[in-house]
Amino acid sequence: MSAKLSSLRKRLATLEQQWADRARLEELADCNCPGIKSAVAFLAVCPRKFEEEINTMCPVHGLRRFGKIVIMNFVKPDGTAGEWAIKLHQLIESHNLRLAQHSQTGIAAEEDDESKEP
């Protein structure tokens, strides 16, 4: 009898995992995060365009996830970084900070929800 029960538990666990995977895929269908939708690094060239990208919200995650970001850096003849590269670095740092704060807020909300459950 315990062998049948063990087999049923395994099959149930497999079905629950498949159900969770399907739900996750359906949820991610609306995601517009470059870091999740693409295996290629995100190329940041123009600060104005990049700022528009980081301020566009994802319907699934809120703040967008970019994954690896590559900055197209144009170096001045004297060897210093161009103004665009400096601005892009600042935008990336700002977005990473917002993303970390957003993640911490989400974790705190989940912990509050779990503490309220009976």
Protein backbone atom coordinates (compact mmCIF):
# COMPACT_ATOMS: atom_id res chain seq x y z
CA MET A 1 0.00 0.00 0.00
CA SER A 2 2.80 2.46 0.80
CA ALA A 3 4.36 1.81 -2.62
CA LYS A 4 1.12 2.89 -4.32
CA LEU A 5 0.91 5.95 -2.10
CA SER A 6 4.51 6.85 -2.88
CA SER A 7 3.85 6.45 -6.60
CA LEU A 8 0.76 8.64 -6.36
CA ARG A 9 2.71 11.33 -4.51
CA LYS A 10 5.41 11.33 -7.20
CA ARG A 11 2.86 11.60 -9.99
CA LEU A 12 1.03 14.36 -8.15
CA ALA A 13 4.30 16.26 -7.64
CA THR A 14 5.08 15.89 -11.36
CA LEU A 15 1.63 17.18 -12.35
CA GLU A 16 1.88 20.10 -9.92
CA GLN A 17 5.28 21.05 -11.37
CA GLN A 18 3.95 20.86 -14.93
CA TRP A 19 0.99 23.03 -13.94
CA ALA A 20 3.28 25.59 -12.31
CA ASP A 21 5.54 25.61 -15.39
CA ARG A 22 2.58 26.25 -17.69
CA ALA A 23 1.30 29.05 -15.49
CA ARG A 24 4.77 30.63 -15.45
CA LEU A 25 5.03 30.45 -19.26
CA GLU A 26 1.60 32.05 -19.64
CA GLU A 27 2.61 34.80 -17.24
CA LEU A 28 5.86 35.44 -19.10
CA ALA A 29 4.05 35.73 -22.43
CA ASP A 30 3.27 39.37 -21.54
CA CYS A 31 6.81 40.09 -20.31
CA ASN A 32 8.80 42.69 -22.27
CA CYS A 33 12.10 42.36 -20.37
CA PRO A 34 15.06 42.07 -22.76
CA GLY A 35 17.04 40.07 -20.19
CA ILE A 36 14.35 37.39 -20.04
CA LYS A 37 13.20 37.37 -23.67
CA SER A 38 16.63 37.41 -25.32
CA ALA A 39 19.87 35.49 -24.84
CA VAL A 40 21.80 38.40 -26.36
CA ALA A 41 23.17 41.29 -24.29
CA PHE A 42 21.25 44.58 -24.43
CA LEU A 43 23.14 47.23 -26.41
CA ALA A 44 22.97 50.74 -24.95
CA VAL A 45 24.10 53.45 -27.37
CA CYS A 46 22.06 56.62 -26.83
CA PRO A 47 21.29 57.78 -23.27
CA ARG A 48 17.94 59.30 -24.28
CA LYS A 49 16.72 56.06 -25.89
CA PHE A 50 18.09 53.95 -23.04
CA GLU A 51 16.32 56.14 -20.50
CA GLU A 52 13.06 55.55 -22.38
CA GLU A 53 13.74 51.80 -22.27
CA ILE A 54 14.42 51.69 -18.52
CA ASN A 55 11.33 53.80 -17.82
CA THR A 56 9.09 51.45 -19.81
CA MET A 57 7.39 49.12 -17.35
CA CYS A 58 6.98 45.38 -17.78
CA PRO A 59 3.39 44.19 -17.21
CA VAL A 60 4.74 41.13 -15.40
CA HIS A 61 7.73 42.37 -13.39
CA GLY A 62 7.16 46.11 -13.04
CA LEU A 63 10.71 47.34 -13.59
CA ARG A 64 12.25 45.71 -16.63
CA ARG A 65 15.11 43.23 -16.37
CA PHE A 66 17.85 43.88 -18.93
CA GLY A 67 20.34 41.17 -18.09
CA LYS A 68 23.78 41.98 -19.43
CA ILE A 69 24.04 45.52 -20.80
CA VAL A 70 26.79 46.45 -23.24
CA ILE A 71 27.59 50.14 -23.61
CA MET A 72 28.71 51.38 -27.00
CA ASN A 73 31.50 53.67 -25.82
CA PHE A 74 33.01 56.31 -28.07
CA VAL A 75 36.38 57.38 -26.66
CA LYS A 76 37.60 60.92 -27.19
CA PRO A 77 40.99 61.49 -28.85
CA ASP A 78 42.49 62.23 -25.43
CA GLY A 79 41.46 58.75 -24.24
CA THR A 80 38.60 59.80 -21.96
CA ALA A 81 35.12 58.39 -22.17
CA GLY A 82 32.52 60.35 -24.06
CA GLU A 83 29.63 62.10 -22.30
CA TRP A 84 27.17 59.50 -23.59
CA ALA A 85 29.10 56.63 -22.01
CA ILE A 86 29.24 58.44 -18.67
CA LYS A 87 25.50 59.16 -18.81
CA LEU A 88 24.76 55.53 -19.75
CA HIS A 89 26.79 54.27 -16.78
CA GLN A 90 24.84 56.61 -14.49
CA LEU A 91 21.52 55.40 -15.92
CA ILE A 92 22.52 51.76 -15.45
CA GLU A 93 23.58 52.36 -11.83
CA SER A 94 20.32 54.22 -11.17
CA HIS A 95 18.24 51.43 -12.73
CA ASN A 96 20.11 48.73 -10.78
CA LEU A 97 19.44 50.62 -7.55
CA ARG A 98 15.73 50.97 -8.39
CA LEU A 99 15.61 47.28 -9.31
CA ALA A 100 17.22 46.28 -5.99
CA GLN A 101 14.75 48.45 -4.06
CA HIS A 102 11.86 47.04 -6.09
CA SER A 103 13.01 43.48 -5.37
CA GLN A 104 13.31 44.20 -1.63
CA THR A 105 9.82 45.72 -1.61
CA GLY A 106 8.46 42.62 -3.35
CA ILE A 107 10.14 40.31 -0.84
CA ALA A 108 8.78 42.31 2.09
CA ALA A 109 5.26 42.19 0.59
CA GLU A 110 5.48 38.41 0.12
CA GLU A 111 6.64 37.96 3.73
CA ASP A 112 3.71 40.09 4.93
CA ASP A 113 1.29 37.99 2.87
CA GLU A 114 2.73 34.77 4.27
CA SER A 115 2.48 36.02 7.87
CA LYS A 116 -1.20 36.83 7.38
CA GLU A 117 -2.06 33.31 6.19
CA PRO A 118 -3.52 31.04 8.90
